[in-house]
Protein backbone atom coordinates (compact mmCIF):
# COMPACT_ATOMS: atom_id res chain seq x y z
CA MET A 1 0.00 0.00 0.00
CA PRO A 2 2.71 2.60 0.85
CA PHE A 3 4.44 1.70 -2.43
CA LEU A 4 1.22 2.37 -4.36
CA LEU A 5 0.78 5.71 -2.59
CA ILE A 6 4.33 6.74 -3.42
CA ASN A 7 3.81 5.88 -7.09
CA TYR A 8 0.48 7.76 -7.08
CA PHE A 9 2.01 10.93 -5.66
CA ARG A 10 4.98 10.68 -8.02
CA SER A 11 2.61 10.34 -10.96
CA MET A 12 0.69 13.41 -9.78
CA ILE A 13 3.95 15.36 -9.53
CA TYR A 14 4.90 14.37 -13.07
CA LEU A 15 1.45 15.41 -14.31
CA LEU A 16 1.83 18.80 -12.63
CA ILE A 17 5.25 19.18 -14.24
CA VAL A 18 3.80 18.41 -17.68
CA ILE A 19 1.10 21.05 -17.13
CA ALA A 20 3.72 23.52 -15.89
CA PHE A 21 5.91 22.91 -18.95
CA PHE A 22 2.97 23.53 -21.28
CA ALA A 23 2.17 26.73 -19.38
CA VAL A 24 5.79 27.88 -19.60
CA MET A 25 5.86 27.22 -23.35
CA LEU A 26 2.66 29.19 -23.96
CA LEU A 27 3.93 32.03 -21.80
CA TYR A 28 7.26 31.99 -23.64
CA PHE A 29 5.48 32.28 -26.99
CA ARG A 30 3.92 35.55 -25.82
CA VAL A 31 7.28 36.85 -24.57
CA ALA A 32 9.04 35.81 -27.78
CA ASP A 33 6.38 37.53 -29.89
CA LYS A 34 6.72 40.70 -27.87
CA TYR A 35 10.52 40.84 -27.96
CA ASN A 36 10.89 39.49 -31.51
CA ILE A 37 12.77 36.31 -30.57
CA ILE A 38 12.21 34.67 -33.93
CA ASP A 39 14.06 32.72 -36.59
CA ARG A 40 13.89 34.22 -40.05
CA PRO A 41 14.66 31.83 -42.93
CA ASN A 42 17.64 32.57 -45.15
CA GLU A 43 19.56 30.81 -47.92
CA ARG A 44 21.16 28.48 -45.36
CA SER A 45 17.91 27.53 -43.63
CA SER A 46 15.91 24.32 -44.07
CA HIS A 47 12.64 26.06 -43.20
CA THR A 48 10.60 28.69 -45.04
CA HIS A 49 8.48 30.33 -42.33
CA VAL A 50 9.26 32.86 -39.62
CA THR A 51 9.19 30.82 -36.40
CA ILE A 52 9.65 31.50 -32.69
CA ARG A 53 13.14 30.59 -31.52
CA GLY A 54 14.19 29.38 -28.07
CA GLY A 55 11.40 26.93 -27.24
CA GLY A 56 14.06 24.60 -25.89
CA ILE A 57 14.25 26.81 -22.81
CA ILE A 58 12.17 24.16 -21.05
CA PHE A 59 15.16 21.80 -21.31
CA LEU A 60 17.02 24.21 -19.05
CA LEU A 61 14.00 24.46 -16.76
CA ALA A 62 13.87 20.65 -16.45
CA VAL A 63 17.50 20.48 -15.32
CA LEU A 64 17.02 23.28 -12.79
CA ILE A 65 13.94 21.60 -11.31
CA GLY A 66 15.93 18.38 -11.01
CA ALA A 67 18.74 20.20 -9.20
CA ILE A 68 16.23 21.61 -6.71
CA TRP A 69 15.01 18.08 -5.97
CA TYR A 70 18.52 16.66 -5.82
CA PRO A 71 20.93 19.36 -4.60
CA GLN A 72 23.93 17.06 -5.11
CA TYR A 73 23.70 17.95 -8.80
CA TRP A 74 23.94 21.69 -8.23
CA LEU A 75 27.38 21.97 -9.85
CA PRO A 76 26.53 20.40 -13.25
CA ALA A 77 23.23 22.27 -13.09
CA ALA A 78 25.20 25.51 -12.60
CA GLY A 79 27.20 24.69 -15.72
CA THR A 80 23.96 23.99 -17.57
CA LEU A 81 22.54 27.33 -16.40
CA LEU A 82 25.66 29.18 -17.53
CA ILE A 83 25.74 27.66 -20.99
CA GLY A 84 21.96 27.90 -21.30
CA VAL A 85 21.82 31.60 -20.45
CA ILE A 86 24.60 32.56 -22.86
CA SER A 87 22.92 30.46 -25.56
CA PHE A 88 19.61 32.22 -24.95
CA ILE A 89 21.36 35.59 -25.25
CA ASP A 90 22.92 34.32 -28.48
CA ASP A 91 19.44 33.45 -29.76
CA ARG A 92 18.49 37.05 -29.13
CA ILE A 93 21.48 39.10 -30.34
CA SER A 94 23.90 36.66 -32.07
CA LEU A 95 27.14 36.75 -30.07
CA PRO A 96 30.66 36.48 -31.59
CA ASN A 97 32.15 32.98 -31.75
CA LYS A 98 34.90 33.92 -29.28
CA VAL A 99 32.38 34.91 -26.62
CA ARG A 100 30.41 31.69 -27.05
CA ILE A 101 33.49 29.47 -26.86
CA ILE A 102 34.69 31.19 -23.67
CA PHE A 103 31.39 30.46 -21.95
CA HIS A 104 31.30 26.93 -23.34
CA LEU A 105 34.77 26.26 -21.93
CA ALA A 106 33.76 27.76 -18.59
CA ALA A 107 30.65 25.57 -18.40
CA VAL A 108 32.62 22.46 -19.39
CA SER A 109 35.21 23.31 -16.72
CA ILE A 110 32.44 23.41 -14.10
CA LEU A 111 31.25 20.04 -15.37
CA PHE A 112 34.76 18.61 -15.15
CA ILE A 113 35.07 19.87 -11.57
CA SER A 114 31.83 18.11 -10.64
CA LEU A 115 33.10 14.87 -12.23
CA GLN A 116 36.57 15.23 -10.64
CA ILE A 117 38.26 14.99 -14.02
CA PHE A 118 41.14 17.35 -13.27
CA HIS A 119 43.10 14.65 -11.46
CA LEU A 120 43.61 12.87 -14.81
CA PRO A 121 46.79 13.34 -16.90
CA ALA A 122 46.89 16.62 -18.84
CA ILE A 123 46.66 14.88 -22.21
CA TRP A 124 43.38 13.24 -21.21
CA ILE A 125 41.98 16.51 -19.88
CA ALA A 126 42.85 18.28 -23.14
CA LEU A 127 41.26 15.46 -25.15
CA LEU A 128 38.09 15.59 -23.05
CA TYR A 129 37.84 19.35 -23.57
CA ILE A 130 38.00 18.83 -27.33
CA ILE A 131 35.42 16.03 -27.19
CA ALA A 132 33.08 17.99 -24.90
CA VAL A 133 33.12 21.20 -26.92
CA GLY A 134 32.85 19.16 -30.11
CA ILE A 135 29.74 17.29 -28.88
CA ILE A 136 28.06 20.52 -27.77
CA ASN A 137 28.66 22.26 -31.08
CA ALA A 138 27.82 19.21 -33.18
CA TYR A 139 24.52 18.85 -31.36
CA ASN A 140 23.82 22.51 -32.05
CA PHE A 141 24.71 22.22 -35.76
CA MET A 142 22.39 19.23 -36.15
CA ASP A 143 19.40 21.23 -34.93
CA GLY A 144 18.14 22.33 -38.32
CA ILE A 145 14.81 20.66 -39.10
CA ASN A 146 11.52 20.10 -37.29
CA GLY A 147 11.63 17.39 -34.65
CA ILE A 148 15.23 16.28 -34.96
CA THR A 149 16.53 17.64 -31.65
CA GLY A 150 13.49 16.57 -29.64
CA LEU A 151 13.19 13.06 -31.07
CA TYR A 152 16.90 12.31 -31.10
CA SER A 153 17.34 13.58 -27.54
CA LEU A 154 14.34 11.58 -26.35
CA VAL A 155 15.84 8.39 -27.77
CA VAL A 156 19.30 9.08 -26.31
CA LEU A 157 17.88 9.96 -22.88
CA GLY A 158 15.76 6.81 -23.02
CA GLY A 159 18.89 4.78 -23.66
CA PHE A 160 20.63 6.29 -20.65
CA GLN A 161 17.57 5.68 -18.49
CA TRP A 162 17.39 2.03 -19.55
CA VAL A 163 21.02 1.53 -18.55
CA ASN A 164 20.41 3.49 -15.34
CA LEU A 165 17.43 1.39 -14.27
CA ARG A 166 18.41 -2.04 -15.62
CA ARG A 167 22.18 -2.26 -15.80
CA PHE A 168 24.13 0.28 -13.78
CA ALA A 169 22.59 2.94 -11.54
CA PHE A 170 24.66 6.05 -12.18
CA MET A 171 22.09 8.84 -11.83
CA GLU A 172 18.90 9.71 -9.96
CA PRO A 173 16.20 8.64 -12.45
CA ASP A 174 14.37 11.96 -12.19
CA MET A 175 17.42 13.73 -13.61
CA ILE A 176 16.70 11.82 -16.82
CA TRP A 177 12.90 11.65 -16.62
CA LEU A 178 12.56 15.44 -16.35
CA PRO A 179 14.48 16.23 -19.58
CA MET A 180 12.53 13.44 -21.30
CA ILE A 181 9.24 15.06 -20.24
CA ALA A 182 10.57 18.40 -21.49
CA CYS A 183 11.36 16.77 -24.86
CA LEU A 184 7.80 15.43 -25.16
CA VAL A 185 6.26 18.82 -24.41
CA PHE A 186 8.63 20.55 -26.82
CA LEU A 187 7.84 18.01 -29.55
CA PHE A 188 4.14 18.82 -29.21
CA PHE A 189 4.95 22.28 -30.57
CA ASN A 190 7.89 21.39 -32.80
CA PHE A 191 7.14 18.02 -34.42
CA ARG A 192 4.77 19.48 -36.99
CA LYS A 193 4.79 20.26 -40.68
CA LYS A 194 4.87 23.93 -39.67
CA ALA A 195 6.58 24.08 -36.28
CA ARG A 196 5.20 26.42 -33.65
CA CYS A 197 8.72 26.97 -32.31
CA PHE A 198 12.35 25.90 -32.71
CA ALA A 199 14.63 24.80 -29.89
CA GLY A 200 17.16 27.55 -30.56
CA ASP A 201 20.69 27.47 -29.20
CA VAL A 202 19.30 27.52 -25.67
CA GLY A 203 17.58 24.22 -26.41
CA SER A 204 20.14 22.32 -28.45
CA VAL A 205 23.17 23.48 -26.45
CA THR A 206 21.51 22.91 -23.07
CA MET A 207 20.37 19.43 -24.06
CA ALA A 208 23.82 18.63 -25.47
CA PHE A 209 25.45 19.74 -22.22
CA TRP A 210 23.16 17.60 -20.06
CA ILE A 211 23.59 14.56 -22.30
CA LEU A 212 27.35 15.14 -22.11
CA PHE A 213 27.07 15.10 -18.32
CA LEU A 214 25.17 11.80 -18.40
CA LEU A 215 27.59 10.30 -20.92
CA LEU A 216 30.74 11.23 -19.01
CA THR A 217 29.25 10.16 -15.68
CA LEU A 218 28.33 6.74 -17.04
CA THR A 219 31.63 6.32 -18.88
CA LEU A 220 33.76 7.27 -15.89
CA ARG A 221 31.84 5.02 -13.51
CA THR A 222 31.79 1.97 -15.78
CA HIS A 223 35.21 2.60 -17.38
CA ASN A 224 33.56 1.75 -20.69
CA GLY A 225 33.67 4.19 -23.59
CA ILE A 226 31.15 2.20 -25.64
CA TYR A 227 28.40 4.54 -24.48
CA PHE A 228 29.74 7.23 -26.80
CA LEU A 229 27.94 5.20 -29.48
CA PHE A 230 24.73 6.64 -28.02
CA LEU A 231 25.62 9.71 -30.13
CA SER A 232 26.97 7.85 -33.16
CA VAL A 233 24.43 9.06 -35.76
CA TYR A 234 25.00 12.72 -34.95
CA GLY A 235 28.70 12.04 -34.59
CA VAL A 236 29.17 10.45 -38.01
CA ASP A 237 27.13 13.14 -39.77
CA SER A 238 28.99 15.95 -38.00
CA VAL A 239 32.55 14.62 -38.29
CA LEU A 240 32.28 13.52 -41.92
CA THR A 241 30.61 16.81 -42.87
CA ILE A 242 33.51 18.72 -41.34
CA ILE A 243 35.97 16.57 -43.30
CA HIS A 244 33.93 17.12 -46.45
CA ARG A 245 33.95 20.89 -45.97
CA LEU A 246 37.69 20.90 -45.28
CA LEU A 247 38.26 19.03 -48.53
CA ARG A 248 36.19 21.70 -50.27
CA ARG A 249 38.35 24.36 -48.53
CA GLU A 250 35.33 25.94 -46.85
CA ASN A 251 35.24 27.80 -43.55
CA ILE A 252 33.82 25.18 -41.19
CA PHE A 253 32.62 27.89 -38.78
CA GLN A 254 30.25 29.40 -41.31
CA ALA A 255 26.64 28.25 -41.70
CA HIS A 256 26.03 25.72 -44.46
CA ARG A 257 23.60 23.11 -45.80
CA LEU A 258 25.95 20.16 -46.32
CA HIS A 259 24.91 17.92 -43.45
CA PHE A 260 23.41 14.67 -44.68
CA TYR A 261 20.05 15.48 -43.10
CA GLN A 262 20.06 18.94 -44.72
CA LEU A 263 20.62 17.47 -48.17
CA MET A 264 17.77 15.03 -47.59
CA ALA A 265 15.49 17.90 -46.57
CA ASN A 266 16.56 20.56 -49.08
CA GLU A 267 17.73 18.68 -52.16
CA CYS A 268 15.52 15.58 -51.97
CA ARG A 269 12.55 17.40 -50.41
CA ILE A 270 11.99 14.61 -47.89
CA PRO A 271 9.59 15.85 -45.16
CA HIS A 272 11.38 17.02 -42.02
CA ARG A 273 9.46 14.72 -39.70
CA ILE A 274 10.38 11.64 -41.71
CA ILE A 275 14.09 12.55 -41.58
CA SER A 276 13.92 13.27 -37.84
CA ALA A 277 12.13 9.99 -37.18
CA LEU A 278 14.69 8.14 -39.31
CA TYR A 279 17.65 9.61 -37.40
CA ALA A 280 15.99 8.81 -34.06
CA ALA A 281 15.09 5.26 -35.17
CA ILE A 282 18.61 4.49 -36.38
CA GLN A 283 20.11 5.85 -33.17
CA GLY A 284 17.59 3.90 -31.10
CA THR A 285 18.51 0.68 -32.92
CA ILE A 286 22.19 1.32 -32.25
CA ILE A 287 21.47 1.96 -28.57
CA LEU A 288 19.60 -1.34 -28.30
CA PHE A 289 22.55 -3.12 -29.90
CA VAL A 290 25.03 -1.39 -27.59
CA VAL A 291 23.20 -2.28 -24.38
CA ALA A 292 22.78 -5.88 -25.55
CA PHE A 293 26.46 -6.42 -26.39
CA SER A 294 28.29 -3.76 -24.38
CA SER A 295 31.13 -6.11 -23.38
CA ASN A 296 32.46 -6.49 -26.95
CA TRP A 297 33.16 -2.83 -27.55
CA MET A 298 35.44 -3.20 -30.59
CA ILE A 299 33.06 -5.45 -32.52
CA VAL A 300 30.01 -3.40 -31.52
CA SER A 301 31.70 -0.16 -32.54
CA ALA A 302 32.60 -1.54 -35.95
CA ILE A 303 29.12 -2.95 -36.55
CA CYS A 304 27.50 0.36 -35.55
CA LEU A 305 29.84 2.85 -37.20
CA LEU A 306 30.84 1.21 -40.48
CA PRO A 307 27.32 1.11 -41.99
CA LEU A 308 26.79 4.77 -41.05
CA ILE A 309 30.09 5.80 -42.61
CA LEU A 310 29.48 3.76 -45.77
CA ALA A 311 25.95 5.16 -46.14
CA TYR A 312 27.28 8.70 -45.78
CA VAL A 313 30.17 8.23 -48.24
CA LEU A 314 28.17 6.35 -50.86
CA LEU A 315 24.87 8.24 -50.73
CA LYS A 316 25.98 11.82 -50.21
CA PRO A 317 27.42 12.30 -53.73
CA ARG A 318 24.03 11.23 -55.12
CA LEU A 319 22.24 13.73 -52.88
CA LEU A 320 24.58 16.49 -54.04
CA ARG A 321 23.81 15.69 -57.68
């Protein structure tokens, strides 16, 4: 009986959070309209309508609520707040790259302090900085069509929660449930033919930072880097696109439409929601494979990454034509 009561009250709390997230989103739409926080399409965009930007602010809210419930996570939550606020400002006034990278490094440093990473050898610390900043920016670059950030993040968070509940408890479950709820609410407004809002940098960067926290926590505690495959679809698209642009002697810091998903959306005219669902489904399949065979990391990595790389290399020239 007490167990049933606990589950009942927890369910009521989650329901109240869902209602609160919807209320925050509707309130934010009014604020964004008033202060002109919008995304105007240009030649680099994959959308054609003026749309509210920054709807992913509820991802930041979810993390902050979790930190209030579980104060032991105040330090990574502080890093999330720092990177989220500067990203929201960037959504509003478009900050210089140098300013953004300074705040990104500061937030990652706070995260590393919370994970006690600075006792590692300097070469490992430098490598982790590169990986962390790379994941954050790759996640941001991949946020270009309706539904992709919300669906992909929901699948990745679900993978972490499965491991957390069934394999290795590395995190309070609510610290994963809350961002998942935020993703569902956001998708209600974003996973449409004509999205009501976009995540904005505040959404994609905040989500990337929290997923990075989960990934590093799990990796450090299990001493198993196979969980980086939870981001393999985004990773292959981002890394190979950078290589492609370098071969074309382009400035990789400038906006472009050469990501695989962008070519599918813009050149092949495949509906955004189909592409987003495809990316999420492929990543979900990889996650299932990883959790089933996590002990054989070399074989699993090859089986997961090689098909993605081959598909990118073989199909992209056709999309470009």
